[in-house]
Amino acid sequence: MDVQAPSSNRITIMLVDDSAVIRGGLSRILKTEPSIEIVASVADGAQGIIMAGKHKPDIIITDIEMPVMDGLTALPQYLKASPDSKVVMFSTLTEKGAAVTMKAMTLGAVECLVKPQGGQGADPNSEFGRYIITLTKNLAPKKTNAAIGASSSGTSSASSDESKQSLLSPKGPLVIRNNPMDYKGKPSVVAIGSSTGGPQALFKLLSNFKGFDVPIVITQHMPATFTRILATHINQNAGVSAFEGEEGMRLEAGKVYVAPGGYHMLFNKNGNDVTIKLDTGPQENFCRPAVDPMFRSIAEIYGSKVLGIIVTGMGKDGLKGSELLVEKGARVIAQDEKTSVVWGMPGAVSMAGICSAVLPLEELGPWARKAVLG
């Protein structure tokens, strides 16, 4: 029998949704994990604000459309009442839902969960069930590690030794490559990988990219519809021209191309032009789009003339692709642990000793700008 971790070490979660069925389903999934505790479950944003101030939960999972007060209106008040909480939006896979969710990310939400279809909403062994437990652990890694240490060797049905290990922050000194800025020649393309917390990071990073004379390609782990809305919000929030990638679209200097949900974004070289090739091959790192295939493809075309950037996200997607880039003489930089929502992807490349720099988010953009524009 598993020993429950001390409450102070458990990940505290508040659920906000006007559907009691939805809240019940989420609770049943999350309660299968001993390191998680549901501290409040309420039906609208107004109640959520009160409970956020009372419980200061680590994570708030909130619906968007609710009576009395919707999730978008409540979001700034959640963070005012509990500044350290991480807010996850629970959205439908529709254009309206995607647009509102992306707006929420500009206001401080760190991730979106797409409401599951059919009967998997309360199944901890479904893909959705496994993902939401992994997500909550990654959003509160210090508490997760403490809870693992306090529990017995047994695990819940939704957890595994492998997933636990992936939650542990890498230890040991960072190894930075010796010649980060005296690289001979400028990049001909910037390639960026991101996941959990990525939209916020991308808005800040890309705001430094105005006037770039090279194309920028991005893989952000997101479903279809959401990636198109992400490109629109990059336009609005970063002030650079951004597009969801399309088959045959030509890469142009100064423009941003976002891999569309459901496709790996690869590239072809046609004479002097580089065009986008969309691929529906197998998922990599449990994702499509994934960063690794984009990095492999861009490396084959541009070789050493790539600047790779890895920002906040779960898992290790982008590590193998980054290693290939560095083998070809390109540079890779990563977001540091302190400013990352989840230091999985940037942590993996940082600890591999292949980065030219590991920097706070606010310093990544200026570093890249100096590398591209001199």
Protein backbone atom coordinates (compact mmCIF):
# COMPACT_ATOMS: atom_id res chain seq x y z
CA MET A 1 0.00 0.00 0.00
CA ASP A 2 1.36 3.38 -0.99
CA VAL A 3 2.20 5.83 1.77
CA GLN A 4 0.64 9.22 1.16
CA ALA A 5 3.17 12.02 0.94
CA PRO A 6 2.94 14.75 3.56
CA SER A 7 0.43 17.37 2.50
CA SER A 8 3.12 20.08 2.40
CA ASN A 9 4.94 18.05 -0.25
CA ARG A 10 1.90 17.32 -2.39
CA ILE A 11 0.99 19.21 -5.54
CA THR A 12 -2.13 21.22 -4.78
CA ILE A 13 -4.67 21.72 -7.55
CA MET A 14 -7.86 23.75 -7.89
CA LEU A 15 -10.47 22.81 -10.52
CA VAL A 16 -12.79 25.45 -11.96
CA ASP A 17 -15.52 24.26 -14.35
CA ASP A 18 -19.28 24.72 -14.40
CA SER A 19 -19.72 21.03 -15.26
CA ALA A 20 -19.71 18.81 -12.19
CA VAL A 21 -19.15 15.86 -14.52
CA ILE A 22 -15.95 17.41 -15.90
CA ARG A 23 -14.67 18.30 -12.44
CA GLY A 24 -15.46 14.80 -11.22
CA GLY A 25 -13.65 13.21 -14.15
CA LEU A 26 -10.54 15.35 -13.62
CA SER A 27 -10.60 14.59 -9.89
CA ARG A 28 -10.78 10.84 -10.50
CA ILE A 29 -7.75 11.00 -12.78
CA LEU A 30 -5.66 13.22 -10.53
CA LYS A 31 -6.49 11.37 -7.32
CA THR A 32 -4.86 8.22 -8.67
CA GLU A 33 -1.51 9.94 -8.13
CA PRO A 34 -0.47 10.09 -4.43
CA SER A 35 1.60 13.26 -4.91
CA ILE A 36 -1.47 15.28 -6.02
CA GLU A 37 -4.14 16.84 -3.79
CA ILE A 38 -7.33 18.56 -4.99
CA VAL A 39 -7.79 21.50 -2.59
CA ALA A 40 -10.82 23.12 -4.25
CA SER A 41 -13.39 22.31 -6.94
CA VAL A 42 -15.76 25.13 -7.91
CA ALA A 43 -18.20 26.01 -10.69
CA ASP A 44 -17.21 29.51 -11.82
CA GLY A 45 -14.43 32.07 -11.89
CA ALA A 46 -15.81 34.18 -9.07
CA GLN A 47 -15.68 31.25 -6.66
CA GLY A 48 -12.30 30.34 -8.11
CA ILE A 49 -10.82 33.72 -7.17
CA ILE A 50 -11.93 33.27 -3.56
CA MET A 51 -10.54 29.74 -3.36
CA ALA A 52 -7.28 30.77 -5.05
CA GLY A 53 -6.72 33.35 -2.33
CA LYS A 54 -7.59 30.86 0.39
CA HIS A 55 -5.61 27.81 -0.77
CA LYS A 56 -2.81 29.30 -2.95
CA PRO A 57 -2.83 26.17 -5.14
CA ASP A 58 0.22 25.19 -7.13
CA ILE A 59 -1.92 24.69 -10.24
CA ILE A 60 -5.31 26.01 -11.32
CA ILE A 61 -7.12 24.13 -14.10
CA THR A 62 -9.90 26.36 -15.37
CA ASP A 63 -12.59 26.17 -18.02
CA ILE A 64 -13.08 29.17 -20.29
CA GLU A 65 -16.85 29.48 -20.73
CA MET A 66 -18.62 29.54 -17.36
CA PRO A 67 -21.57 31.40 -15.82
CA VAL A 68 -21.10 34.26 -13.34
CA MET A 69 -17.46 34.79 -14.41
CA ASP A 70 -15.64 33.15 -17.30
CA GLY A 71 -12.10 31.84 -17.13
CA LEU A 72 -10.53 34.59 -19.24
CA THR A 73 -11.99 37.32 -17.02
CA ALA A 74 -10.98 35.46 -13.88
CA LEU A 75 -7.42 34.66 -14.98
CA PRO A 76 -5.74 37.94 -13.91
CA GLN A 77 -7.59 37.75 -10.60
CA TYR A 78 -6.45 34.18 -9.99
CA LEU A 79 -2.86 35.35 -10.37
CA LYS A 80 -3.45 38.40 -8.21
CA ALA A 81 -4.91 36.25 -5.43
CA SER A 82 -2.22 33.56 -5.80
CA PRO A 83 0.78 34.91 -7.74
CA ASP A 84 2.75 31.65 -7.68
CA SER A 85 -0.05 29.53 -9.11
CA LYS A 86 0.33 28.15 -12.63
CA VAL A 87 -2.88 28.42 -14.61
CA VAL A 88 -3.84 25.80 -17.19
CA MET A 89 -6.77 26.54 -19.52
CA PHE A 90 -9.19 23.70 -20.28
CA SER A 91 -10.45 24.34 -23.80
CA THR A 92 -12.44 22.84 -26.65
CA LEU A 93 -10.71 22.09 -29.95
CA THR A 94 -12.48 24.84 -31.88
CA GLU A 95 -11.27 28.04 -33.51
CA LYS A 96 -13.10 30.11 -30.88
CA GLY A 97 -11.68 27.98 -28.08
CA ALA A 98 -8.17 28.23 -29.53
CA ALA A 99 -8.38 32.01 -29.92
CA VAL A 100 -9.55 32.54 -26.34
CA THR A 101 -6.95 30.12 -25.00
CA MET A 102 -4.17 31.93 -26.83
CA LYS A 103 -5.43 35.21 -25.40
CA ALA A 104 -5.25 33.59 -21.97
CA MET A 105 -1.61 32.71 -22.56
CA THR A 106 -0.81 36.36 -23.21
CA LEU A 107 -2.41 37.08 -19.80
CA GLY A 108 -0.32 34.52 -17.91
CA ALA A 109 -1.70 31.01 -18.50
CA VAL A 110 1.10 28.50 -19.02
CA GLU A 111 -0.61 25.70 -20.93
CA CYS A 112 -3.84 24.58 -22.55
CA LEU A 113 -5.56 21.22 -22.19
CA VAL A 114 -7.95 20.19 -24.94
CA LYS A 115 -11.09 18.59 -23.50
CA PRO A 116 -11.09 14.89 -24.37
CA GLN A 117 -13.71 13.41 -26.64
CA GLY A 118 -15.89 10.44 -25.77
CA GLY A 119 -15.50 8.51 -22.55
CA GLN A 120 -11.77 8.99 -21.86
CA GLY A 121 -12.30 12.12 -19.76
CA ALA A 122 -12.26 10.16 -16.48
CA ASP A 123 -9.85 7.38 -17.46
CA PRO A 124 -6.41 7.72 -15.83
CA ASN A 125 -4.99 5.17 -18.28
CA SER A 126 -6.07 7.10 -21.38
CA GLU A 127 -3.62 9.29 -23.29
CA PHE A 128 -5.32 12.34 -21.77
CA GLY A 129 -5.16 10.88 -18.25
CA ARG A 130 -1.47 10.10 -18.48
CA TYR A 131 -0.70 13.49 -19.98
CA ILE A 132 -2.49 15.57 -17.34
CA ILE A 133 -0.71 13.76 -14.50
CA THR A 134 2.67 14.18 -16.21
CA LEU A 135 1.88 17.85 -16.85
CA THR A 136 1.03 18.60 -13.22
CA LYS A 137 4.21 16.90 -12.03
CA ASN A 138 6.31 18.89 -14.47
CA LEU A 139 4.69 22.15 -13.42
CA ALA A 140 5.61 21.48 -9.78
CA PRO A 141 8.87 19.47 -10.02
CA LYS A 142 10.23 20.31 -6.55
CA LYS A 143 7.08 19.04 -4.86
CA THR A 144 7.05 16.02 -7.13
CA ASN A 145 10.59 15.05 -6.15
CA ALA A 146 9.77 15.49 -2.46
CA ALA A 147 6.64 13.37 -2.81
CA ILE A 148 8.54 10.62 -4.62
CA GLY A 149 11.04 10.51 -1.80
CA ALA A 150 8.26 10.31 0.79
CA SER A 151 6.33 7.49 -0.90
CA SER A 152 7.04 3.79 -1.12
CA SER A 153 8.44 2.14 -4.23
CA GLY A 154 4.92 1.42 -5.50
CA THR A 155 3.37 3.70 -8.09
CA SER A 156 -0.12 4.61 -9.18
CA SER A 157 -1.63 3.19 -12.36
CA ALA A 158 -0.96 6.48 -14.15
CA SER A 159 2.71 6.74 -13.21
CA SER A 160 5.87 4.87 -14.19
CA ASP A 161 9.53 4.81 -13.20
CA GLU A 162 10.41 6.34 -16.57
CA SER A 163 7.96 9.23 -16.22
CA LYS A 164 9.15 9.88 -12.68
CA GLN A 165 12.76 10.02 -13.80
CA SER A 166 11.88 12.55 -16.50
CA LEU A 167 10.56 14.90 -13.84
CA LEU A 168 13.82 15.14 -11.93
CA SER A 169 15.76 18.31 -12.69
CA PRO A 170 19.17 17.47 -14.17
CA LYS A 171 22.01 17.87 -11.69
CA GLY A 172 25.60 18.86 -12.16
CA PRO A 173 27.46 21.81 -13.69
CA LEU A 174 26.50 23.21 -17.06
CA VAL A 175 29.09 22.84 -19.79
CA ILE A 176 29.14 25.75 -22.22
CA ARG A 177 30.92 25.51 -25.56
CA ASN A 178 34.11 27.55 -25.69
CA ASN A 179 33.46 29.93 -28.56
CA PRO A 180 29.86 31.10 -28.27
CA MET A 181 30.13 34.44 -30.05
CA ASP A 182 33.27 34.25 -32.21
CA TYR A 183 31.57 31.88 -34.62
CA LYS A 184 32.77 32.49 -38.17
CA GLY A 185 29.82 33.69 -40.21
CA LYS A 186 26.23 34.55 -39.35
CA PRO A 187 23.25 32.17 -39.26
CA SER A 188 21.11 31.87 -42.37
CA VAL A 189 18.08 30.64 -40.41
CA VAL A 190 16.84 30.58 -36.80
CA ALA A 191 15.08 27.38 -35.65
CA ILE A 192 13.14 27.35 -32.36
CA GLY A 193 11.65 24.50 -30.32
CA SER A 194 9.14 25.00 -27.50
CA SER A 195 6.35 23.29 -25.58
CA THR A 196 4.78 23.89 -22.16
CA GLY A 197 4.86 27.64 -21.44
CA GLY A 198 6.09 28.19 -24.99
CA PRO A 199 3.65 30.80 -26.30
CA GLN A 200 4.53 33.31 -23.58
CA ALA A 201 8.23 32.64 -24.12
CA LEU A 202 7.89 32.98 -27.90
CA PHE A 203 6.14 36.34 -27.66
CA LYS A 204 8.99 37.74 -25.55
CA LEU A 205 11.75 36.09 -27.57
CA LEU A 206 10.42 37.10 -30.99
CA SER A 207 9.84 40.71 -29.99
CA ASN A 208 13.65 41.00 -30.37
CA PHE A 209 13.54 39.66 -33.93
CA LYS A 210 12.15 42.70 -35.74
CA GLY A 211 14.28 43.50 -38.76
CA PHE A 212 15.89 40.04 -38.99
CA ASP A 213 17.26 39.27 -42.45
CA VAL A 214 16.88 35.50 -42.08
CA PRO A 215 13.76 33.30 -41.77
CA ILE A 216 12.62 31.92 -38.41
CA VAL A 217 11.03 28.47 -38.12
CA ILE A 218 9.23 27.24 -35.00
CA THR A 219 7.89 23.96 -33.71
CA GLN A 220 5.59 24.48 -30.73
CA HIS A 221 3.81 21.42 -29.36
CA MET A 222 0.18 22.29 -30.09
CA PRO A 223 -2.81 20.73 -31.82
CA ALA A 224 -4.23 21.85 -35.14
CA THR A 225 -6.21 25.12 -35.05
CA PHE A 226 -4.16 26.31 -32.08
CA THR A 227 -1.02 26.66 -34.19
CA ARG A 228 -2.77 28.93 -36.68
CA ILE A 229 -4.00 31.12 -33.84
CA LEU A 230 -0.49 31.10 -32.36
CA ALA A 231 0.90 32.56 -35.60
CA THR A 232 -1.73 35.31 -35.45
CA HIS A 233 -0.82 36.14 -31.87
CA ILE A 234 2.89 36.23 -32.70
CA ASN A 235 2.02 38.89 -35.27
CA GLN A 236 0.07 40.85 -32.69
CA ASN A 237 2.32 40.43 -29.66
CA ALA A 238 5.83 40.30 -31.13
CA GLY A 239 5.38 42.58 -34.12
CA VAL A 240 6.89 40.18 -36.68
CA SER A 241 5.14 38.59 -39.66
CA ALA A 242 4.18 35.05 -38.75
CA PHE A 243 2.40 32.28 -40.64
CA GLU A 244 1.28 28.74 -40.02
CA GLY A 245 3.46 26.64 -42.33
CA GLU A 246 1.89 25.28 -45.52
CA GLU A 247 3.06 22.73 -48.06
CA GLY A 248 5.37 24.39 -50.59
CA MET A 249 5.51 27.74 -48.75
CA ARG A 250 8.82 29.50 -49.43
CA LEU A 251 10.91 30.68 -46.49
CA GLU A 252 11.49 34.43 -46.63
CA ALA A 253 13.84 36.61 -44.60
CA GLY A 254 12.36 38.21 -41.51
CA LYS A 255 9.26 36.02 -41.46
CA VAL A 256 8.21 33.42 -38.91
CA TYR A 257 6.82 29.99 -39.83
CA VAL A 258 5.00 27.87 -37.23
CA ALA A 259 4.70 24.11 -37.71
CA PRO A 260 1.00 23.26 -38.09
CA GLY A 261 -0.60 20.95 -35.54
CA GLY A 262 -0.60 17.34 -36.69
CA TYR A 263 2.38 17.71 -39.06
CA HIS A 264 6.15 17.62 -38.73
CA MET A 265 7.53 20.68 -40.53
CA LEU A 266 10.38 19.70 -42.85
CA PHE A 267 12.09 21.54 -45.71
CA ASN A 268 13.14 21.13 -49.34
CA LYS A 269 15.77 23.08 -51.25
CA ASN A 270 14.73 24.08 -54.76
CA GLY A 271 17.50 26.06 -56.42
CA ASN A 272 17.95 29.15 -54.27
CA ASP A 273 14.63 28.65 -52.50
CA VAL A 274 13.86 26.66 -49.38
CA THR A 275 10.26 25.50 -49.10
CA ILE A 276 8.19 23.82 -46.41
CA LYS A 277 7.32 20.14 -46.63
CA LEU A 278 4.60 18.87 -44.29
CA ASP A 279 4.99 15.33 -43.04
CA THR A 280 2.49 13.01 -41.35
CA GLY A 281 5.06 10.40 -40.37
CA PRO A 282 5.12 8.79 -36.92
CA GLN A 283 5.16 10.91 -33.80
CA GLU A 284 8.56 11.59 -32.30
CA ASN A 285 8.93 12.15 -28.56
CA PHE A 286 5.16 11.52 -28.46
CA CYS A 287 4.58 14.64 -30.58
CA ARG A 288 3.63 15.71 -34.07
CA PRO A 289 4.82 18.35 -34.77
CA ALA A 290 8.12 17.56 -33.08
CA VAL A 291 11.30 19.62 -32.84
CA ASP A 292 13.79 16.86 -33.70
CA PRO A 293 12.58 16.23 -37.27
CA MET A 294 12.48 19.98 -37.96
CA PHE A 295 16.05 20.38 -36.68
CA ARG A 296 17.27 17.38 -38.72
CA SER A 297 15.71 18.75 -41.87
CA ILE A 298 16.98 22.30 -41.41
CA ALA A 299 20.48 20.97 -40.60
CA GLU A 300 20.63 19.05 -43.88
CA ILE A 301 19.97 22.23 -45.84
CA TYR A 302 21.78 24.93 -43.86
CA GLY A 303 24.51 22.95 -42.06
CA SER A 304 26.51 25.23 -39.78
CA LYS A 305 24.40 28.26 -40.74
CA VAL A 306 21.67 27.54 -38.18
CA LEU A 307 20.98 29.14 -34.82
CA GLY A 308 18.92 26.68 -32.77
CA ILE A 309 17.00 27.91 -29.74
CA ILE A 310 15.26 25.68 -27.18
CA VAL A 311 12.85 27.27 -24.72
CA THR A 312 10.53 25.99 -22.00
CA GLY A 313 8.87 22.60 -22.43
CA MET A 314 8.41 19.08 -21.08
CA GLY A 315 10.49 16.13 -22.16
CA LYS A 316 13.60 15.99 -24.33
CA ASP A 317 12.30 16.84 -27.79
CA GLY A 318 14.99 18.82 -29.60
CA LEU A 319 17.97 17.17 -27.90
CA LYS A 320 18.90 14.79 -30.72
CA GLY A 321 18.26 17.46 -33.34
CA SER A 322 20.41 19.93 -31.41
CA GLU A 323 23.23 17.41 -31.19
CA LEU A 324 23.11 17.04 -34.97
CA LEU A 325 23.17 20.81 -35.46
CA VAL A 326 26.24 21.14 -33.25
CA GLU A 327 27.96 18.26 -35.09
CA LYS A 328 27.51 20.29 -38.28
CA GLY A 329 29.07 23.36 -36.64
CA ALA A 330 25.87 25.27 -35.84
CA ARG A 331 25.08 26.94 -32.54
CA VAL A 332 22.35 26.11 -30.02
CA ILE A 333 21.24 28.25 -27.09
CA ALA A 334 18.70 27.43 -24.38
CA GLN A 335 16.49 29.05 -21.77
CA ASP A 336 17.69 28.72 -18.18
CA GLU A 337 15.89 26.79 -15.46
CA LYS A 338 14.80 29.78 -13.40
CA THR A 339 12.78 31.45 -16.17
CA SER A 340 11.39 28.24 -17.73
CA VAL A 341 7.89 27.07 -16.87
CA VAL A 342 9.27 23.54 -17.34
CA TRP A 343 13.01 22.96 -17.77
CA GLY A 344 12.68 19.67 -19.60
CA MET A 345 13.59 20.46 -23.21
CA PRO A 346 16.02 23.32 -22.48
CA GLY A 347 17.43 21.38 -19.53
CA ALA A 348 18.19 18.38 -21.72
CA VAL A 349 20.27 20.37 -24.21
CA SER A 350 21.84 22.46 -21.45
CA MET A 351 23.09 19.44 -19.53
CA ALA A 352 24.32 17.77 -22.71
CA GLY A 353 27.08 20.37 -22.94
CA ILE A 354 26.21 21.45 -26.48
CA CYS A 355 24.92 24.98 -25.85
CA SER A 356 26.78 28.16 -26.70
CA ALA A 357 24.74 29.90 -23.99
CA VAL A 358 22.11 29.07 -21.36
CA LEU A 359 20.31 32.31 -20.55
CA PRO A 360 17.26 33.83 -18.87
CA LEU A 361 14.41 34.34 -21.31
CA GLU A 362 14.91 38.11 -21.46
CA GLU A 363 18.54 37.61 -22.58
CA LEU A 364 17.92 34.99 -25.28
CA GLY A 365 16.48 37.47 -27.77
CA PRO A 366 19.31 40.02 -27.53
CA TRP A 367 21.88 37.19 -27.82
CA ALA A 368 20.19 35.89 -30.96
CA ARG A 369 19.89 39.40 -32.37
CA LYS A 370 23.62 39.99 -31.95
CA ALA A 371 24.38 36.64 -33.61
CA VAL A 372 22.12 37.39 -36.60
CA LEU A 373 22.62 41.11 -37.10
CA GLY A 374 26.03 41.64 -35.49
